[in-house]
C-alpha cells in the first residue's frame, strides 16, 4: 500500500496530544531526510586558517625539510588564491593552477620515486624507513596541501568555509584538479627504478580510475624509467585478494608490457611485513623474526 493511502484507526478533526506527537515526529523525520538528501555531495568547508597553514608549511619545507631549495612562499600562495577565489566550487580546472606550479618547479634524483594506491597508512612508514624513497607528499606542493580542503565561491572574494563539494561531485573540483596536476608532474619527472605499492587485500588493487591508474601511470616514460617495481602488500589477517599472479595487478603488468616498461613484482615485501608487525607484534605471523623474513620471497620479473 502506498504511504499516501495509509489508513489510521480513527479520523477526527480534534487534535489529541498523541496525534500532535506523531505529527511532530513525522515533521522532524522529513526535515532530517531533506537535509540528508540535499547535501549528499557536500563536504566540509575550506580548512580554517588555510592561508597560515599553507604558507607556514612552505617556509617549514624550505627551511627544515629541504633547505637546498628556494621558493617564494608568498608568491605561491598568491597564485593559488587567484586560481581558487571567486571561482565556482566546481569550476577550477587543472589549467587554472598553471601559474602556481610554474612558481614551484621541482626535480628529484632518479631511483627515488615511490607511487602508491590504497596503501596510505603504510606508504609513509615505508618511505620513512627506506629513506631513499620520496612520495608525492614529500614534494613541496604535496607537503603544502596534504589533507587540506578548499573551494571558492563566485559571489565572494574569499574561500567557502561553510561547505565544499566532494571530489566525485564534479570534474573541475579545486582539490582534485590540483592533485591531478601534481601527480602528473611527479610521474613525468620519474626516472631510474621506481616503486609502486598496491593493496592486495582489496578488489582492484590497481584501479584505472585512481590517481595512479588514471594520471600517474600515463605520465611515466619508458625511456626514463628503467624498472617499475611493483610491491603487493596484504593485511596480516587478509583477505589475500590479489597478488602478482592474480587480479588487477596482472592487468597493470600487461599495460606496462604493452608500453615497453621493464618490471618486477613481489608479494609481501619483507620490510612491509615487518612494519605491519611493529603495529601488531602479537599476530601469529609476527611471533618471530624468522616468520617475518620467511615471507616476501615470491618475486618475478619481466623484460
Protein backbone atom coordinates (compact mmCIF):
# COMPACT_ATOMS: atom_id res chain seq x y z
CA UNK A 1 0.00 0.00 0.00
CA UNK A 2 1.36 3.45 -0.93
CA UNK A 3 2.26 5.67 2.07
CA UNK A 4 -0.12 8.29 0.66
CA UNK A 5 -3.09 5.98 1.37
CA UNK A 6 -2.21 4.73 4.86
CA UNK A 7 -5.36 4.32 6.99
CA UNK A 8 -5.39 5.40 10.61
CA UNK A 9 -7.66 3.81 13.26
CA UNK A 10 -9.69 6.96 13.70
CA UNK A 11 -10.06 10.19 11.85
CA UNK A 12 -11.20 13.27 13.71
CA UNK A 13 -10.86 17.00 13.42
CA UNK A 14 -9.77 17.21 17.05
CA UNK A 15 -6.01 17.13 17.61
CA UNK A 16 -5.04 14.94 20.53
CA UNK A 17 -1.68 15.13 22.34
CA UNK A 18 -0.76 11.75 20.86
CA UNK A 19 -1.59 12.95 17.35
CA UNK A 20 0.48 16.08 17.91
CA UNK A 21 3.44 13.97 18.91
CA UNK A 22 3.04 11.85 15.78
CA UNK A 23 2.88 14.94 13.60
CA UNK A 24 5.95 16.44 15.27
CA UNK A 25 7.84 13.15 14.86
CA UNK A 26 6.91 12.87 11.19
CA UNK A 27 7.86 16.51 10.56
CA UNK A 28 11.22 16.02 12.23
CA UNK A 29 11.92 12.96 10.13
CA UNK A 30 11.03 14.80 6.95
CA UNK A 31 13.35 17.65 7.90
CA UNK A 32 16.22 15.26 8.60
CA UNK A 33 15.54 13.42 5.34
CA UNK A 34 15.54 16.63 3.34
CA UNK A 35 18.78 17.72 4.98
CA UNK A 36 20.39 14.38 4.13
CA UNK A 37 19.22 14.32 0.55
CA UNK A 38 20.10 17.92 -0.19
CA UNK A 39 23.85 17.99 0.54
CA UNK A 40 24.62 14.39 -0.39
CA UNK A 41 27.56 15.62 -2.40
CA UNK A 42 28.54 18.34 0.07
CA UNK A 43 31.56 18.07 2.30
CA UNK A 44 33.35 20.11 4.94
CA UNK A 45 34.19 23.66 4.03
CA UNK A 46 37.65 25.07 3.39
CA UNK A 47 40.11 24.17 6.12
CA UNK A 48 40.16 27.00 8.69
CA UNK A 49 43.30 29.16 8.66
CA UNK A 50 44.31 27.64 5.35
CA UNK A 51 46.48 30.62 4.38
CA UNK A 52 48.56 30.39 7.54
CA UNK A 53 48.83 26.61 7.22
CA UNK A 54 49.93 26.65 3.57
CA UNK A 55 52.43 29.49 3.89
CA UNK A 56 53.72 28.07 7.18
CA UNK A 57 54.24 24.65 5.62
CA UNK A 58 56.05 26.24 2.71
CA UNK A 59 58.51 28.05 4.98
CA UNK A 60 58.96 24.91 7.05
CA UNK A 61 59.71 22.92 3.88
CA UNK A 62 62.36 25.27 2.51
CA UNK A 63 63.89 25.79 5.96
CA UNK A 64 63.87 22.33 7.55
CA UNK A 65 62.63 19.62 5.17
CA UNK A 66 64.55 20.53 2.04
CA UNK A 67 66.73 23.58 2.74
CA UNK A 68 68.57 23.18 -0.56
CA UNK A 69 65.61 24.67 -2.44
CA UNK A 70 64.44 28.27 -2.57
CA UNK A 71 60.88 29.37 -3.28
CA UNK A 72 58.80 32.49 -2.75
CA UNK A 73 56.09 31.17 -0.43
CA UNK A 74 54.03 34.35 -0.57
CA UNK A 75 54.05 34.26 -4.38
CA UNK A 76 52.96 30.61 -4.41
CA UNK A 77 50.05 31.43 -2.10
CA UNK A 78 49.03 34.39 -4.24
CA UNK A 79 48.94 32.23 -7.38
CA UNK A 80 46.97 29.56 -5.52
CA UNK A 81 44.47 32.09 -4.21
CA UNK A 82 43.96 33.61 -7.66
CA UNK A 83 43.20 30.17 -9.07
CA UNK A 84 40.51 29.36 -6.50
CA UNK A 85 38.92 32.51 -5.05
CA UNK A 86 35.87 33.94 -6.82
CA UNK A 87 35.53 30.74 -8.82
CA UNK A 88 32.62 28.33 -8.62
CA UNK A 89 33.23 25.48 -6.20
CA UNK A 90 33.22 23.11 -9.18
CA UNK A 91 34.86 25.49 -11.62
CA UNK A 92 38.62 25.19 -11.08
CA UNK A 93 40.34 23.24 -13.85
CA UNK A 94 43.85 21.83 -13.88
CA UNK A 95 44.95 24.69 -16.14
CA UNK A 96 43.93 27.26 -13.54
CA UNK A 97 46.86 26.18 -11.36
CA UNK A 98 49.37 26.70 -14.16
CA UNK A 99 50.95 29.84 -12.70
CA UNK A 100 51.16 28.33 -9.23
CA UNK A 101 53.04 25.29 -10.47
CA UNK A 102 55.33 27.48 -12.56
CA UNK A 103 56.30 29.24 -9.33
CA UNK A 104 57.36 25.96 -7.69
CA UNK A 105 59.24 23.73 -10.17
CA UNK A 106 60.93 20.75 -8.58
CA UNK A 107 63.05 17.82 -9.74
CA UNK A 108 64.26 14.71 -7.97
CA UNK A 109 67.18 12.34 -8.25
CA UNK A 110 66.44 9.09 -10.09
CA UNK A 111 65.60 5.83 -8.29
CA UNK A 112 63.72 7.62 -5.51
CA UNK A 113 60.15 7.76 -6.81
CA UNK A 114 57.54 5.89 -4.80
CA UNK A 115 53.95 5.64 -6.04
CA UNK A 116 51.03 4.13 -4.16
CA UNK A 117 47.34 3.37 -4.32
CA UNK A 118 45.10 2.47 -1.35
CA UNK A 119 48.13 1.97 0.91
CA UNK A 120 48.33 5.41 2.51
CA UNK A 121 48.73 4.27 6.11
CA UNK A 122 51.70 2.06 5.24
CA UNK A 123 53.39 4.00 2.47
CA UNK A 124 54.73 6.83 4.59
CA UNK A 125 56.07 4.47 7.23
CA UNK A 126 57.80 2.61 4.42
CA UNK A 127 59.27 5.82 3.00
CA UNK A 128 60.47 6.85 6.46
CA UNK A 129 62.28 3.54 7.00
CA UNK A 130 63.65 3.20 3.48
CA UNK A 131 64.84 6.78 3.40
CA UNK A 132 65.89 6.82 -0.25
CA UNK A 133 62.22 6.97 -1.32
CA UNK A 134 60.12 10.08 -1.91
CA UNK A 135 56.37 10.18 -2.39
CA UNK A 136 54.21 12.89 -3.90
CA UNK A 137 53.53 14.12 -0.36
CA UNK A 138 57.28 14.77 0.01
CA UNK A 139 57.29 17.30 -2.82
CA UNK A 140 56.69 20.95 -1.98
CA UNK A 141 53.15 21.00 -3.39
CA UNK A 142 52.29 17.72 -1.69
CA UNK A 143 53.73 18.88 1.61
CA UNK A 144 51.88 22.20 1.49
CA UNK A 145 48.41 20.93 0.58
CA UNK A 146 48.28 17.44 2.08
CA UNK A 147 44.99 16.72 3.92
CA UNK A 148 43.58 20.19 3.28
CA UNK A 149 40.20 21.09 1.79
CA UNK A 150 39.40 24.24 -0.16
CA UNK A 151 36.93 25.79 -2.58
CA UNK A 152 35.92 29.28 -3.59
CA UNK A 153 32.63 30.98 -4.27
CA UNK A 154 31.79 33.20 -7.19
CA UNK A 155 29.81 35.71 -5.18
CA UNK A 156 32.54 36.36 -2.61
CA UNK A 157 36.25 37.19 -2.73
CA UNK A 158 37.10 34.55 -0.15
CA UNK A 159 37.16 30.81 0.30
CA UNK A 160 33.97 28.96 1.17
CA UNK A 161 34.45 27.88 4.77
CA UNK A 162 30.92 26.51 5.06
CA UNK A 163 30.74 23.68 2.54
CA UNK A 164 32.77 22.31 -0.36
CA UNK A 165 31.65 19.58 -2.77
CA UNK A 166 33.13 16.11 -2.64
CA UNK A 167 35.63 15.13 -5.31
CA UNK A 168 33.05 12.94 -7.03
CA UNK A 169 30.61 15.81 -7.39
CA UNK A 170 32.27 17.47 -10.36
CA UNK A 171 35.05 17.22 -12.91
CA UNK A 172 36.73 20.53 -12.12
CA UNK A 173 36.89 20.15 -8.35
CA UNK A 174 39.53 22.58 -7.00
CA UNK A 175 41.24 19.99 -4.79
CA UNK A 176 41.09 17.21 -7.36
CA UNK A 177 42.45 19.47 -10.11
CA UNK A 178 45.47 20.45 -8.03
CA UNK A 179 46.32 16.85 -7.16
CA UNK A 180 45.89 15.76 -10.77
CA UNK A 181 48.48 18.31 -11.90
CA UNK A 182 50.80 17.49 -9.00
CA UNK A 183 50.54 13.76 -9.77
CA UNK A 184 51.17 14.35 -13.46
CA UNK A 185 54.29 16.41 -12.78
CA UNK A 186 55.58 13.86 -10.27
CA UNK A 187 55.16 10.99 -12.72
CA UNK A 188 56.66 12.85 -15.68
CA UNK A 189 59.84 13.57 -13.73
CA UNK A 190 60.20 9.96 -12.54
CA UNK A 191 63.37 8.25 -13.69
CA UNK A 192 65.51 5.21 -12.95
CA UNK A 193 63.94 2.43 -10.91
CA UNK A 194 60.56 3.40 -9.48
CA UNK A 195 58.40 1.57 -6.94
CA UNK A 196 54.61 1.14 -6.81
CA UNK A 197 52.92 -0.09 -3.64
CA UNK A 198 49.48 -1.68 -4.04
CA UNK A 199 46.99 -3.12 -1.56
CA UNK A 200 46.44 -6.83 -2.18
CA UNK A 201 43.66 -7.07 0.42
CA UNK A 202 41.10 -5.25 -1.73
CA UNK A 203 39.50 -5.80 -5.09
CA UNK A 204 41.07 -3.74 -7.86
CA UNK A 205 44.40 -3.17 -6.16
CA UNK A 206 45.23 -1.48 -9.46
CA UNK A 207 42.27 0.77 -10.17
CA UNK A 208 42.27 2.50 -13.54
CA UNK A 209 40.20 5.31 -12.03
CA UNK A 210 42.61 6.01 -9.17
CA UNK A 211 45.13 8.83 -9.31
CA UNK A 212 47.86 6.33 -10.06
CA UNK A 213 45.82 4.44 -12.66
CA UNK A 214 44.35 7.47 -14.44
CA UNK A 215 47.13 10.06 -14.16
CA UNK A 216 50.49 8.86 -12.90
CA UNK A 217 50.72 5.70 -14.98
CA UNK A 218 50.13 7.71 -18.15
CA UNK A 219 52.83 10.16 -17.11
CA UNK A 220 55.57 7.55 -16.79
CA UNK A 221 58.08 7.48 -19.64
CA UNK A 222 59.61 4.08 -20.54
CA UNK A 223 62.67 5.90 -21.88
CA UNK A 224 63.29 7.49 -18.48
CA UNK A 225 62.15 4.65 -16.22
CA UNK A 226 64.40 1.58 -16.07
CA UNK A 227 62.16 -0.67 -13.98
CA UNK A 228 58.72 -0.41 -12.44
CA UNK A 229 59.00 -2.40 -9.21
CA UNK A 230 55.52 -3.42 -8.05
CA UNK A 231 55.06 -4.42 -4.41
CA UNK A 232 51.75 -6.00 -3.43
CA UNK A 233 51.08 -5.99 0.30
CA UNK A 234 48.19 -7.62 2.15
CA UNK A 235 46.90 -7.09 5.66
CA UNK A 236 48.25 -9.56 8.19
CA UNK A 237 44.76 -11.00 8.62
CA UNK A 238 43.95 -10.79 4.93
CA UNK A 239 41.91 -11.05 2.91
CA UNK A 240 44.52 -12.20 0.41
CA UNK A 241 42.61 -10.97 -2.61
CA UNK A 242 45.23 -10.01 -5.17
CA UNK A 243 48.85 -10.79 -5.90
CA UNK A 244 51.40 -10.57 -8.68
CA UNK A 245 49.70 -13.59 -10.29
CA UNK A 246 46.04 -12.69 -9.97
CA UNK A 247 43.55 -9.86 -10.05
CA UNK A 248 44.02 -6.35 -11.36
CA UNK A 249 47.77 -6.44 -10.69
CA UNK A 250 48.04 -8.71 -13.72
CA UNK A 251 46.22 -6.03 -15.73
CA UNK A 252 48.82 -3.47 -14.63
CA UNK A 253 51.63 -5.78 -15.69
CA UNK A 254 50.05 -6.22 -19.12
CA UNK A 255 49.77 -2.42 -19.51
CA UNK A 256 53.42 -1.97 -18.56
CA UNK A 257 54.47 -4.65 -21.04
CA UNK A 258 52.44 -3.09 -23.85
CA UNK A 259 54.12 0.28 -23.23
CA UNK A 260 57.63 -1.09 -23.21
CA UNK A 261 58.35 -0.93 -19.49
CA UNK A 262 60.52 -3.44 -17.71
CA UNK A 263 59.06 -4.50 -14.40
CA UNK A 264 59.35 -6.66 -11.30
CA UNK A 265 56.61 -7.74 -8.91
CA UNK A 266 56.85 -9.07 -5.35
CA UNK A 267 54.28 -10.24 -2.82
CA UNK A 268 54.61 -9.37 0.88
CA UNK A 269 57.89 -7.48 0.87
CA UNK A 270 59.96 -8.21 3.99
CA UNK A 271 60.19 -4.60 5.14
CA UNK A 272 56.47 -4.06 4.63
CA UNK A 273 55.72 -7.20 6.62
CA UNK A 274 57.97 -6.05 9.48
CA UNK A 275 56.34 -2.61 9.52
CA UNK A 276 52.95 -4.26 9.98
CA UNK A 277 54.34 -6.48 12.71
CA UNK A 278 55.63 -3.44 14.60
CA UNK A 279 52.00 -2.33 14.86
CA UNK A 280 50.74 -5.81 15.74
CA UNK A 281 53.62 -7.84 17.26
CA UNK A 282 51.32 -10.47 18.78
CA UNK A 283 49.96 -11.56 15.44
CA UNK A 284 50.82 -15.20 14.62
CA UNK A 285 52.72 -14.08 11.52
CA UNK A 286 54.92 -11.85 13.67
CA UNK A 287 55.90 -14.14 16.54
CA UNK A 288 59.49 -14.45 15.43
CA UNK A 289 61.75 -12.60 13.11
CA UNK A 290 62.13 -15.81 11.13
CA UNK A 291 58.38 -15.83 10.48
CA UNK A 292 58.59 -12.31 9.13
CA UNK A 293 61.59 -12.98 6.95
CA UNK A 294 60.10 -16.19 5.58
CA UNK A 295 57.55 -14.07 3.69
CA UNK A 296 58.23 -11.91 0.69
CA UNK A 297 60.35 -14.38 -1.23
CA UNK A 298 57.93 -14.63 -4.10
CA UNK A 299 59.11 -12.40 -6.91
CA UNK A 300 59.32 -12.48 -10.67
CA UNK A 301 60.40 -10.09 -13.34
CA UNK A 302 59.54 -9.14 -16.87
CA UNK A 303 61.74 -7.59 -19.51
